[in-house]
N, C-alpha and C. Protein backbone atom coordinates (compact mmCIF):
# COMPACT_ATOMS: atom_id res chain seq x y z
N UNK A 1 32.95 10.19 2.52
CA UNK A 1 31.93 9.54 1.99
C UNK A 1 30.80 10.06 3.20
N UNK A 2 29.99 10.45 2.57
CA UNK A 2 28.96 10.95 3.23
C UNK A 2 27.87 9.76 4.01
N UNK A 3 28.07 10.01 5.17
CA UNK A 3 27.09 8.76 6.28
C UNK A 3 25.52 9.16 6.66
N UNK A 4 25.47 10.34 7.17
CA UNK A 4 24.68 11.14 7.50
C UNK A 4 24.29 12.68 7.72
N UNK A 5 23.32 12.57 7.26
CA UNK A 5 23.40 14.24 7.10
C UNK A 5 22.06 14.50 8.32
N UNK A 6 22.40 15.51 9.55
CA UNK A 6 21.45 16.01 10.24
C UNK A 6 21.42 17.68 9.49
N UNK A 7 20.12 18.01 9.20
CA UNK A 7 19.65 19.63 9.23
C UNK A 7 18.65 19.97 9.27
N UNK A 8 18.06 21.00 8.23
CA UNK A 8 16.66 21.48 8.52
C UNK A 8 16.16 21.41 6.92
N UNK A 9 14.57 20.66 6.90
CA UNK A 9 14.15 20.27 5.93
C UNK A 9 13.30 21.70 4.60
N UNK A 10 14.43 21.87 3.60
CA UNK A 10 14.31 23.12 2.50
C UNK A 10 13.10 22.84 1.93
N UNK A 11 13.03 21.81 0.59
CA UNK A 11 11.80 21.40 0.01
C UNK A 11 11.75 20.48 0.06
N UNK A 12 10.21 19.63 -0.74
CA UNK A 12 10.52 18.23 -1.36
C UNK A 12 10.08 18.21 -3.15
N UNK A 13 10.51 17.36 -3.55
CA UNK A 13 10.14 17.35 -4.49
C UNK A 13 9.35 15.75 -4.93
N UNK A 14 9.34 15.56 -5.92
CA UNK A 14 8.69 14.11 -6.23
C UNK A 14 9.21 12.60 -5.43
N UNK A 15 10.19 12.44 -5.49
CA UNK A 15 11.16 11.10 -4.90
C UNK A 15 12.11 12.02 -4.21
N UNK A 16 12.34 12.89 -3.80
CA UNK A 16 13.50 13.51 -2.84
C UNK A 16 13.41 15.18 -2.13
N UNK A 17 14.83 14.53 -1.09
CA UNK A 17 14.23 16.11 -0.24
C UNK A 17 15.25 16.74 -0.63
N UNK A 18 15.21 18.14 -0.10
CA UNK A 18 16.39 19.36 0.15
C UNK A 18 16.54 19.55 1.16
N UNK A 19 17.94 19.07 1.47
CA UNK A 19 18.01 19.10 3.20
C UNK A 19 19.00 20.32 3.14
N UNK A 20 18.92 21.27 4.21
CA UNK A 20 19.99 22.10 4.40
C UNK A 20 20.71 22.02 5.52
N UNK A 21 22.26 21.81 5.17
CA UNK A 21 22.97 21.60 6.11
C UNK A 21 24.09 22.80 6.58
N UNK A 22 23.76 23.65 7.17
CA UNK A 22 24.94 24.69 7.41
C UNK A 22 24.82 25.48 6.18
N UNK A 23 23.79 25.76 5.71
CA UNK A 23 23.58 26.60 4.27
C UNK A 23 23.80 25.90 2.70
N UNK A 24 24.04 24.44 2.79
CA UNK A 24 24.41 23.89 1.33
C UNK A 24 23.40 22.86 1.90
N UNK A 25 22.30 23.20 0.41
CA UNK A 25 21.24 21.86 0.07
C UNK A 25 21.74 21.18 -0.46
N UNK A 26 21.61 19.30 0.27
CA UNK A 26 21.70 18.24 -0.24
C UNK A 26 20.34 17.89 -0.74
N UNK A 27 20.29 17.20 -2.05
CA UNK A 27 19.08 16.78 -2.97
C UNK A 27 19.10 15.27 -2.99
N UNK A 28 18.72 14.77 -1.47
CA UNK A 28 19.04 13.10 -1.07
C UNK A 28 17.37 12.28 -1.43
N UNK A 29 17.46 11.47 -2.52
CA UNK A 29 16.33 9.98 -2.71
C UNK A 29 16.23 9.48 -1.71
N UNK A 30 14.87 9.58 -1.64
CA UNK A 30 14.05 8.81 -0.42
C UNK A 30 13.23 7.67 -1.02
N UNK A 31 13.24 6.54 -0.04
CA UNK A 31 11.94 5.77 -0.12
C UNK A 31 10.54 6.87 -0.26
N UNK A 32 9.59 6.02 -0.89
CA UNK A 32 7.88 7.29 -0.69
C UNK A 32 7.82 7.24 0.93
N UNK A 33 7.76 6.09 1.70
CA UNK A 33 7.30 6.14 2.59
C UNK A 33 8.63 6.49 3.91
N UNK A 34 9.56 6.74 3.45
CA UNK A 34 10.55 7.74 4.21
C UNK A 34 9.86 8.88 4.08
N UNK A 35 10.05 9.35 2.59
CA UNK A 35 9.64 11.32 2.46
C UNK A 35 8.44 10.96 3.11
N UNK A 36 7.53 10.83 3.42
CA UNK A 36 6.09 10.98 3.97
C UNK A 36 6.01 11.08 4.84
N UNK A 37 6.89 10.71 6.14
CA UNK A 37 7.36 10.33 7.90
C UNK A 37 8.18 11.84 7.95
N UNK A 38 8.90 12.49 6.82
CA UNK A 38 9.89 13.60 7.09
C UNK A 38 8.53 14.75 7.73
N UNK A 39 9.16 15.43 8.22
CA UNK A 39 8.48 16.91 8.99
C UNK A 39 8.35 17.57 8.00
N UNK A 40 7.88 18.80 8.35
CA UNK A 40 7.79 19.94 7.16
C UNK A 40 8.57 21.18 7.07
N UNK A 41 8.33 21.11 5.92
CA UNK A 41 9.60 22.44 5.52
C UNK A 41 9.98 23.21 6.60
N UNK A 42 11.38 23.52 6.88
CA UNK A 42 12.05 24.64 8.11
C UNK A 42 11.71 23.73 9.62
N UNK A 43 11.30 22.32 9.16
CA UNK A 43 11.67 21.67 10.39
C UNK A 43 13.05 20.64 10.55
N UNK A 44 13.89 20.18 11.43
CA UNK A 44 15.05 19.54 11.57
C UNK A 44 14.38 18.35 11.41
N UNK A 45 15.60 17.37 10.68
CA UNK A 45 15.46 16.11 9.93
C UNK A 45 17.02 14.98 9.89
N UNK A 46 17.01 14.10 10.09
CA UNK A 46 17.99 13.60 10.31
C UNK A 46 18.01 12.09 9.04
N UNK A 47 19.04 12.25 8.22
CA UNK A 47 18.92 11.08 7.23
C UNK A 47 19.86 10.30 7.42
N UNK A 48 20.10 8.70 7.42
CA UNK A 48 21.27 8.08 7.00
C UNK A 48 21.31 8.11 5.46
N UNK A 49 22.46 8.17 4.92
CA UNK A 49 22.49 8.31 3.64
C UNK A 49 23.61 7.19 2.95
N UNK A 50 23.59 7.04 1.98
CA UNK A 50 24.19 6.10 0.69
C UNK A 50 24.30 6.61 -0.30
N UNK A 51 25.94 7.12 -0.55
CA UNK A 51 26.41 7.90 -1.82
C UNK A 51 26.92 6.64 -2.90
N UNK A 52 26.41 7.21 -4.28
CA UNK A 52 26.48 6.41 -5.01
C UNK A 52 26.85 7.25 -5.72
N UNK A 53 28.46 6.93 -6.52
CA UNK A 53 29.18 7.91 -7.19
C UNK A 53 29.41 6.94 -8.45
N UNK A 54 28.83 7.76 -9.84
CA UNK A 54 29.34 7.28 -11.28
C UNK A 54 29.91 8.03 -11.91
N UNK A 55 30.02 7.55 -12.66
CA UNK A 55 31.13 8.96 -14.34
C UNK A 55 30.18 10.15 -14.28
N UNK A 56 29.02 9.93 -14.42
CA UNK A 56 28.03 11.51 -14.70
C UNK A 56 27.86 11.56 -14.00
N UNK A 57 27.05 11.16 -12.40
CA UNK A 57 26.51 11.93 -10.81
C UNK A 57 27.18 11.04 -10.02
N UNK A 58 26.59 11.82 -9.11
CA UNK A 58 26.58 11.51 -7.48
C UNK A 58 25.27 12.04 -7.06
N UNK A 59 24.94 10.49 -6.61
CA UNK A 59 23.45 10.56 -6.10
C UNK A 59 23.56 10.17 -4.77
N UNK A 60 22.86 11.06 -3.92
CA UNK A 60 22.80 10.79 -2.39
C UNK A 60 21.39 10.06 -2.45
N UNK A 61 20.95 8.64 -1.65
CA UNK A 61 19.94 8.19 -1.11
C UNK A 61 19.33 8.40 0.40
N UNK A 62 18.85 8.61 0.96
CA UNK A 62 18.37 8.37 2.43
C UNK A 62 17.42 7.75 2.97
N UNK A 63 17.51 7.64 4.23
CA UNK A 63 16.76 6.60 5.08
C UNK A 63 16.80 6.64 6.38
N UNK A 64 15.50 6.41 7.18
CA UNK A 64 15.15 7.08 8.21
C UNK A 64 15.97 6.31 9.57
N UNK A 65 15.89 4.84 9.40
CA UNK A 65 17.00 4.03 10.27
C UNK A 65 18.35 3.12 9.16
N UNK A 66 19.10 3.12 10.00
CA UNK A 66 20.22 2.58 9.67
C UNK A 66 20.33 1.05 8.75
N UNK A 67 19.14 0.49 9.29
CA UNK A 67 18.44 -0.95 8.56
C UNK A 67 18.40 -0.48 7.42
N UNK A 68 17.86 0.15 7.51
CA UNK A 68 17.02 0.43 5.69
C UNK A 68 18.22 0.43 4.61
N UNK A 69 19.32 1.55 4.95
CA UNK A 69 19.98 1.69 4.27
C UNK A 69 20.88 0.07 3.85
N UNK A 70 21.61 -0.25 5.16
CA UNK A 70 21.66 -1.90 5.00
C UNK A 70 20.88 -2.46 3.98
N UNK A 71 19.73 -2.67 4.24
CA UNK A 71 18.81 -3.05 2.84
C UNK A 71 18.90 -2.84 1.49
N UNK A 72 18.91 -1.28 1.62
CA UNK A 72 19.15 -1.03 0.45
C UNK A 72 19.90 -1.36 -0.24
N UNK A 73 21.16 -1.84 0.45
CA UNK A 73 22.61 -2.32 -0.29
C UNK A 73 22.80 -3.72 -0.66
N UNK A 74 22.07 -4.64 0.12
CA UNK A 74 22.03 -5.58 0.17
C UNK A 74 20.76 -5.86 -0.97
N UNK A 75 19.93 -5.38 -1.05
CA UNK A 75 19.38 -5.50 -2.43
C UNK A 75 20.09 -5.26 -4.06
N UNK A 76 20.27 -4.54 -3.42
CA UNK A 76 21.43 -3.98 -5.18
C UNK A 76 22.22 -5.02 -5.55
N UNK A 77 22.58 -5.86 -4.90
CA UNK A 77 23.26 -6.77 -4.57
C UNK A 77 22.83 -8.55 -5.31
N UNK A 78 21.66 -7.76 -5.85
CA UNK A 78 20.80 -9.16 -6.66
C UNK A 78 21.24 -8.63 -8.35
N UNK A 79 20.96 -9.33 -9.05
CA UNK A 79 21.07 -8.81 -10.48
C UNK A 79 19.72 -8.55 -10.60
N UNK A 80 19.81 -6.98 -11.67
CA UNK A 80 19.03 -6.66 -12.02
C UNK A 80 17.99 -5.78 -11.07
N UNK A 81 18.32 -5.80 -10.09
CA UNK A 81 18.27 -5.03 -8.91
C UNK A 81 18.73 -3.40 -9.17
N UNK A 82 18.76 -2.52 -8.81
CA UNK A 82 19.20 -1.14 -9.13
C UNK A 82 18.24 -0.44 -8.07
N UNK A 83 18.92 1.00 -8.01
CA UNK A 83 18.67 1.99 -6.97
C UNK A 83 17.15 2.11 -7.15
N UNK A 84 16.59 2.06 -8.22
CA UNK A 84 15.09 2.60 -8.42
C UNK A 84 14.09 1.60 -7.54
N UNK A 85 14.74 -0.07 -8.23
CA UNK A 85 13.47 -1.18 -7.58
C UNK A 85 13.81 -1.04 -6.05
N UNK A 86 15.42 -0.91 -5.56
CA UNK A 86 15.40 -1.00 -4.53
C UNK A 86 14.81 0.06 -3.18
N UNK A 87 14.67 1.41 -3.77
CA UNK A 87 14.07 1.59 -3.63
C UNK A 87 12.51 2.16 -3.64
N UNK A 88 12.04 1.22 -4.49
CA UNK A 88 10.25 0.84 -4.46
C UNK A 88 10.21 -0.10 -3.36
N UNK A 89 11.27 -0.88 -3.07
CA UNK A 89 10.66 -2.27 -2.08
C UNK A 89 10.74 -1.10 -1.23
N UNK A 90 11.38 -0.39 -0.42
CA UNK A 90 11.69 0.10 0.64
C UNK A 90 10.74 0.94 0.75
N UNK A 91 10.12 1.56 -0.31
CA UNK A 91 9.06 2.12 -0.17
C UNK A 91 7.75 1.96 0.36
N UNK A 92 7.57 0.76 0.53
CA UNK A 92 6.27 0.05 0.66
C UNK A 92 6.70 -1.20 1.70
N UNK A 93 7.82 -0.96 2.28
CA UNK A 93 8.32 -2.34 3.14
C UNK A 93 9.34 -1.63 4.49
N UNK A 94 9.25 -1.91 5.55
CA UNK A 94 10.09 -1.46 6.51
C UNK A 94 11.23 -2.46 6.22
N UNK A 95 12.40 -2.39 7.04
CA UNK A 95 13.48 -2.90 6.50
C UNK A 95 13.25 -4.42 7.00
N UNK A 96 12.68 -4.58 8.67
CA UNK A 96 12.06 -5.92 9.45
C UNK A 96 11.00 -6.56 8.32
N UNK A 97 10.11 -5.81 7.49
CA UNK A 97 9.22 -6.41 7.15
C UNK A 97 9.72 -6.98 5.43
N UNK A 98 11.07 -6.47 5.09
CA UNK A 98 11.59 -6.83 3.60
C UNK A 98 12.34 -8.35 4.17
N UNK A 99 12.87 -7.96 5.47
CA UNK A 99 13.32 -9.45 6.18
C UNK A 99 12.78 -10.42 5.93
N UNK A 100 11.07 -10.19 6.80
CA UNK A 100 10.71 -11.14 6.86
C UNK A 100 9.71 -11.70 5.71
N UNK A 101 9.53 -11.27 4.73
CA UNK A 101 9.09 -11.07 3.39
C UNK A 101 10.15 -12.18 2.54
N UNK A 102 11.16 -11.97 2.72
CA UNK A 102 12.05 -13.12 2.06
C UNK A 102 12.62 -14.46 2.52
N UNK A 103 12.77 -14.35 3.85
CA UNK A 103 12.70 -15.37 4.96
C UNK A 103 11.47 -16.36 4.70
N UNK A 104 10.69 -15.80 4.86
CA UNK A 104 9.47 -16.57 4.39
C UNK A 104 9.09 -16.91 3.06
N UNK A 105 9.73 -16.57 1.84
CA UNK A 105 9.65 -16.73 0.67
C UNK A 105 8.22 -15.89 0.26
N UNK A 106 7.81 -14.93 0.97
CA UNK A 106 6.54 -14.46 0.40
C UNK A 106 6.59 -13.51 -1.01
N UNK A 107 6.71 -13.91 -2.02
CA UNK A 107 6.83 -13.54 -3.52
C UNK A 107 5.54 -12.26 -3.68
N UNK A 108 4.51 -12.54 -3.57
CA UNK A 108 3.67 -11.61 -3.65
C UNK A 108 4.15 -9.85 -3.10
N UNK A 109 4.35 -10.23 -1.27
CA UNK A 109 4.49 -8.99 -0.29
C UNK A 109 5.87 -8.26 -1.57
N UNK A 110 6.95 -8.89 -1.85
CA UNK A 110 8.24 -8.09 -2.41
C UNK A 110 7.11 -7.57 -3.76
N UNK A 111 6.34 -8.50 -4.96
CA UNK A 111 6.06 -7.87 -6.00
C UNK A 111 5.03 -6.48 -6.05
N UNK A 112 4.73 -6.46 -4.71
CA UNK A 112 3.63 -4.74 -4.52
C UNK A 112 4.71 -3.97 -4.95
N UNK A 113 6.11 -3.96 -5.06
CA UNK A 113 6.80 -2.78 -5.01
C UNK A 113 6.64 -2.27 -6.25
N UNK A 114 6.53 -0.94 -7.14
CA UNK A 114 6.30 -0.96 -8.21
C UNK A 114 7.44 -1.00 -9.17
N UNK A 115 7.94 -2.02 -10.65
CA UNK A 115 8.65 -2.16 -11.07
C UNK A 115 9.19 -3.85 -10.38
N UNK A 116 8.76 -4.60 -9.95
CA UNK A 116 9.51 -5.65 -9.05
C UNK A 116 8.22 -6.46 -9.89
N UNK A 117 9.09 -7.02 -11.05
CA UNK A 117 8.26 -8.59 -11.70
C UNK A 117 8.36 -9.55 -11.25
N UNK A 118 7.67 -10.77 -11.71
CA UNK A 118 7.54 -12.02 -11.18
C UNK A 118 9.17 -12.38 -11.07
N UNK A 119 10.15 -12.00 -12.18
CA UNK A 119 11.49 -12.56 -12.02
C UNK A 119 12.14 -12.10 -11.27
N UNK A 120 12.29 -11.02 -10.85
CA UNK A 120 12.64 -10.07 -9.75
C UNK A 120 12.46 -10.42 -8.60
N UNK A 121 11.38 -10.57 -8.53
CA UNK A 121 11.24 -10.89 -7.06
C UNK A 121 11.26 -11.98 -6.62
N UNK A 122 11.48 -13.29 -7.59
CA UNK A 122 11.77 -14.98 -7.27
C UNK A 122 13.61 -14.58 -7.16
N UNK A 123 14.15 -13.37 -7.94
CA UNK A 123 15.66 -13.75 -7.87
C UNK A 123 15.90 -13.13 -6.59
N UNK A 124 15.00 -12.02 -6.07
CA UNK A 124 15.63 -11.33 -4.92
C UNK A 124 15.23 -12.83 -3.65
N UNK A 125 14.20 -13.39 -4.05
CA UNK A 125 14.03 -14.76 -2.60
C UNK A 125 15.19 -15.45 -2.84
N UNK A 126 15.45 -15.97 -4.21
CA UNK A 126 16.52 -16.66 -4.35
C UNK A 126 18.07 -16.41 -3.90
N UNK A 127 18.09 -15.62 -4.24
CA UNK A 127 19.75 -14.75 -4.00
C UNK A 127 19.81 -14.37 -2.46
N UNK A 128 19.04 -13.91 -1.92
CA UNK A 128 18.72 -13.25 -0.29
C UNK A 128 17.94 -14.09 0.76
N UNK A 129 17.89 -15.43 0.42
CA UNK A 129 17.12 -16.16 1.20
C UNK A 129 17.77 -16.72 2.56
N UNK A 130 19.44 -16.94 2.52
CA UNK A 130 20.30 -17.15 3.52
C UNK A 130 20.89 -15.90 4.52
N UNK A 131 20.40 -14.97 3.71
CA UNK A 131 20.82 -13.46 4.54
C UNK A 131 19.66 -13.20 5.60
N UNK A 132 18.35 -12.90 4.98
CA UNK A 132 17.05 -12.64 5.54
C UNK A 132 16.72 -13.34 7.25
N UNK A 133 16.73 -14.28 7.05
CA UNK A 133 16.50 -15.30 8.32
C UNK A 133 17.22 -14.22 9.90
N UNK A 134 18.45 -14.14 9.71
CA UNK A 134 19.31 -13.26 11.04
C UNK A 134 18.63 -12.08 11.02
N UNK A 135 18.31 -11.37 9.96
CA UNK A 135 17.67 -10.44 9.64
C UNK A 135 16.17 -10.24 10.34
N UNK A 136 15.34 -10.99 10.29
CA UNK A 136 13.82 -11.52 10.02
C UNK A 136 13.79 -10.95 11.67
N UNK A 137 11.93 -10.51 11.57
CA UNK A 137 11.49 -10.75 13.27
C UNK A 137 10.48 -11.64 13.52
N UNK A 138 10.36 -12.47 12.17
CA UNK A 138 9.45 -13.66 12.45
C UNK A 138 10.44 -14.82 13.17
N UNK A 139 9.47 -16.13 13.94
CA UNK A 139 10.43 -17.28 14.78
C UNK A 139 11.55 -18.19 13.59
N UNK A 140 12.02 -19.13 13.91
CA UNK A 140 12.50 -19.56 12.96
C UNK A 140 11.99 -20.55 13.01
N UNK A 141 11.07 -20.77 13.51
CA UNK A 141 9.65 -22.14 12.77
C UNK A 141 8.92 -22.05 11.87
N UNK A 142 8.25 -20.32 11.82
CA UNK A 142 7.92 -19.94 10.68
C UNK A 142 8.48 -19.94 9.71
N UNK A 143 9.54 -19.55 9.70
CA UNK A 143 10.51 -20.07 8.25
C UNK A 143 11.05 -20.81 7.77
N UNK A 144 10.67 -21.76 8.46
CA UNK A 144 11.23 -23.48 8.48
C UNK A 144 10.08 -24.08 7.42
N UNK A 145 8.69 -23.69 8.32
CA UNK A 145 7.68 -24.30 7.40
C UNK A 145 7.70 -23.16 5.93
N UNK A 146 8.00 -21.99 6.18
CA UNK A 146 7.81 -21.55 4.69
C UNK A 146 8.81 -21.94 3.71
N UNK A 147 9.84 -22.28 3.74
CA UNK A 147 10.65 -22.60 3.44
C UNK A 147 10.51 -24.19 2.66
N UNK A 148 10.23 -25.01 3.61
CA UNK A 148 9.52 -26.27 3.25
C UNK A 148 8.54 -26.38 2.47
N UNK A 149 7.72 -25.03 2.27
CA UNK A 149 6.75 -25.39 1.31
C UNK A 149 7.41 -25.11 -0.22
N UNK A 150 8.02 -23.48 -0.04
CA UNK A 150 8.83 -23.22 -1.00
C UNK A 150 9.52 -24.29 -2.02
N UNK A 151 10.75 -24.85 -0.80
CA UNK A 151 11.86 -25.48 -1.72
C UNK A 151 10.83 -27.09 -2.20
N UNK A 152 9.81 -27.41 -1.63
CA UNK A 152 8.68 -28.93 -1.87
C UNK A 152 9.71 -29.90 -1.56
N UNK A 153 10.02 -29.71 -0.26
CA UNK A 153 10.44 -30.81 0.80
C UNK A 153 9.33 -31.70 0.84
N UNK A 154 9.48 -32.73 0.99
CA UNK A 154 8.64 -34.23 1.17
C UNK A 154 8.19 -33.87 2.51
N UNK A 155 7.12 -32.62 2.51
CA UNK A 155 6.49 -32.67 4.18
C UNK A 155 5.41 -32.39 3.62
N UNK A 156 4.73 -33.58 2.91
CA UNK A 156 2.93 -33.17 2.20
C UNK A 156 2.43 -31.95 3.31
N UNK A 157 1.83 -32.37 4.64
CA UNK A 157 1.16 -32.46 5.43
C UNK A 157 1.25 -30.78 5.46
N UNK A 158 2.16 -30.46 5.89
CA UNK A 158 2.63 -29.24 5.97
C UNK A 158 2.28 -28.16 4.44
N UNK A 159 3.13 -28.71 3.82
CA UNK A 159 3.07 -27.76 2.20
C UNK A 159 1.00 -27.79 1.62
N UNK A 160 0.39 -28.84 1.87
CA UNK A 160 -0.68 -28.68 2.15
C UNK A 160 -1.60 -27.74 2.72
N UNK A 161 -1.21 -28.12 3.87
CA UNK A 161 -1.98 -26.70 4.99
C UNK A 161 -1.81 -25.87 5.07
N UNK A 162 -0.51 -25.16 4.51
CA UNK A 162 -0.15 -23.97 4.12
C UNK A 162 -0.99 -23.50 2.47
N UNK A 163 -1.07 -24.50 1.73
CA UNK A 163 -1.74 -24.48 0.64
C UNK A 163 -2.98 -23.82 0.63
N UNK A 164 -3.73 -25.12 1.50
CA UNK A 164 -5.13 -24.42 1.71
C UNK A 164 -5.40 -23.71 2.72
N UNK A 165 -4.99 -22.59 3.41
CA UNK A 165 -4.77 -21.89 4.09
C UNK A 165 -4.68 -20.47 3.12
N UNK A 166 -3.54 -20.39 1.79
CA UNK A 166 -3.73 -19.43 0.95
C UNK A 166 -4.78 -19.42 0.51
N UNK A 167 -5.55 -20.65 -0.36
CA UNK A 167 -6.71 -20.69 -1.27
C UNK A 167 -7.74 -20.17 -0.62
N UNK A 168 -7.84 -20.20 0.98
CA UNK A 168 -9.11 -19.34 1.65
C UNK A 168 -8.64 -17.79 1.59
N UNK A 169 -7.80 -17.56 1.26
CA UNK A 169 -7.49 -16.11 1.57
C UNK A 169 -6.42 -15.46 2.12
N UNK A 170 -5.86 -16.26 2.74
CA UNK A 170 -5.21 -16.03 3.80
C UNK A 170 -3.31 -15.28 3.11
N UNK A 171 -2.67 -14.57 3.25
CA UNK A 171 -1.44 -14.64 3.34
C UNK A 171 -0.44 -15.56 3.21
N UNK A 172 0.45 -15.70 2.47
CA UNK A 172 1.59 -16.94 2.88
C UNK A 172 2.13 -16.83 3.76
N UNK A 173 3.01 -15.64 4.19
CA UNK A 173 3.43 -15.22 5.48
C UNK A 173 2.20 -15.76 6.99
N UNK A 174 1.13 -15.46 6.87
CA UNK A 174 0.00 -15.92 7.94
C UNK A 174 -0.46 -17.05 7.68
N UNK A 175 -0.07 -17.63 6.68
CA UNK A 175 -0.56 -18.87 6.63
C UNK A 175 0.63 -19.84 7.26
N UNK A 176 1.60 -19.33 6.84
CA UNK A 176 2.78 -20.11 7.02
C UNK A 176 3.25 -20.49 8.81
N UNK A 177 2.69 -18.75 9.68
CA UNK A 177 2.92 -19.02 10.55
C UNK A 177 1.89 -19.61 11.77
N UNK A 178 0.76 -19.74 10.99
CA UNK A 178 -0.46 -20.23 12.10
C UNK A 178 0.11 -21.89 11.31
N UNK A 179 0.73 -22.60 10.64
CA UNK A 179 0.71 -23.82 10.70
C UNK A 179 1.90 -23.84 11.82
N UNK A 180 3.08 -23.09 11.29
CA UNK A 180 4.25 -23.48 12.50
C UNK A 180 3.94 -23.10 13.49
N UNK A 181 2.82 -22.78 14.13
CA UNK A 181 2.47 -22.85 15.39
C UNK A 181 1.27 -24.04 15.50
N UNK A 182 0.62 -24.67 15.02
CA UNK A 182 -0.11 -25.67 15.31
C UNK A 182 0.64 -26.68 15.00
N UNK A 183 2.34 -26.75 14.19
CA UNK A 183 2.83 -28.13 14.42
C UNK A 183 3.54 -27.76 15.72
N UNK A 184 4.11 -26.79 16.56
CA UNK A 184 4.31 -26.75 17.87
C UNK A 184 3.12 -27.38 18.82
N UNK A 185 2.34 -27.17 18.60
CA UNK A 185 1.50 -27.73 19.65
C UNK A 185 0.70 -29.50 19.29
N UNK A 186 0.80 -29.42 18.08
CA UNK A 186 0.46 -30.71 17.51
C UNK A 186 1.32 -31.88 17.27
N UNK A 187 2.75 -31.70 16.75
CA UNK A 187 3.86 -32.00 16.41
C UNK A 187 3.99 -32.57 15.22
N UNK A 188 5.33 -33.13 14.92
CA UNK A 188 5.72 -32.85 13.73
C UNK A 188 4.94 -33.85 12.56
N UNK A 189 4.43 -34.81 12.94
CA UNK A 189 3.88 -35.79 12.26
C UNK A 189 2.34 -35.93 12.53
N UNK A 190 1.65 -34.15 12.33
CA UNK A 190 -0.03 -33.68 13.08
C UNK A 190 -0.24 -34.35 11.14
N UNK A 191 -1.36 -34.39 10.99
CA UNK A 191 -2.00 -34.97 9.58
C UNK A 191 -2.71 -33.42 9.27
N UNK A 192 -2.83 -33.18 7.85
CA UNK A 192 -2.57 -32.74 7.14
C UNK A 192 -3.97 -31.75 7.65
N UNK A 193 -4.91 -32.66 8.12
CA UNK A 193 -6.64 -31.96 8.30
C UNK A 193 -6.27 -31.09 9.85
N UNK A 194 -5.37 -31.51 11.08
CA UNK A 194 -4.79 -31.20 12.19
C UNK A 194 -4.33 -30.02 11.74
N UNK A 195 -3.28 -29.87 10.65
CA UNK A 195 -2.71 -28.56 11.03
C UNK A 195 -3.82 -27.78 10.29
N UNK A 196 -4.69 -27.86 9.41
CA UNK A 196 -5.13 -26.94 8.77
C UNK A 196 -6.28 -26.56 10.13
N UNK A 197 -7.08 -27.46 10.99
CA UNK A 197 -7.88 -27.08 11.77
C UNK A 197 -7.23 -26.18 13.06
N UNK A 198 -5.67 -26.57 13.26
CA UNK A 198 -5.57 -25.75 14.40
C UNK A 198 -4.98 -24.70 14.03
N UNK A 199 -4.32 -24.52 12.14
CA UNK A 199 -3.97 -23.52 11.79
C UNK A 199 -5.16 -22.24 12.08
N UNK A 200 -6.55 -22.98 11.68
CA UNK A 200 -7.55 -21.88 11.11
C UNK A 200 -7.74 -21.17 12.94
N UNK A 201 -7.64 -21.84 13.96
CA UNK A 201 -8.07 -21.51 15.26
C UNK A 201 -6.92 -20.28 16.02
N UNK A 202 -5.29 -20.32 14.80
CA UNK A 202 -4.89 -19.44 15.25
C UNK A 202 -4.53 -18.28 14.55
N UNK A 203 -5.50 -18.22 13.42
CA UNK A 203 -5.41 -17.35 12.71
C UNK A 203 -7.16 -16.40 13.31
N UNK A 204 -7.80 -17.03 13.53
CA UNK A 204 -8.95 -16.77 14.39
C UNK A 204 -8.83 -15.99 15.40
N UNK A 205 -7.91 -16.43 15.96
CA UNK A 205 -7.61 -16.06 17.40
C UNK A 205 -6.82 -14.87 17.35
């Protein structure tokens, strides 16, 4: 099984690159973000490869780093998510951003990917929420706040503060991070008004 290819860029297609490795041209399908970052034809490139074998085809998928390939595999464990949808998600988000969005329950960010509707985004968040925190770069306090909101846990000041900040136009991930920091300063018994006020200060800073 091919795990990595190192060669010279031969040419590009709409969703793939032809990588020349010792005279053999491999057609490798990549997320759009990865394709855009690859060098021009004639220059060297390295891709981490996931090989999918089916009865009617063998297709290679390429990624800039191993973490992207791992998320490609993880995303495809979700019902309704195939290679095309997984590529679309990784086409707009880095591996760490995928982990952060899932850990924070940020459906809006996941839904930005082409072909990811509301139901698919919800399924991704639900099925992978236990895997994402270990791979996320946001702190555990922020994840805890976001999960409190998404799970409707009885922590009304937290949920109301995050809701108020998102209503002001901030993304849920930003709002959750700001409220998490506010809680660290004000304590878990802080009122909704206090969390909103301190959260706004965090966001303004």
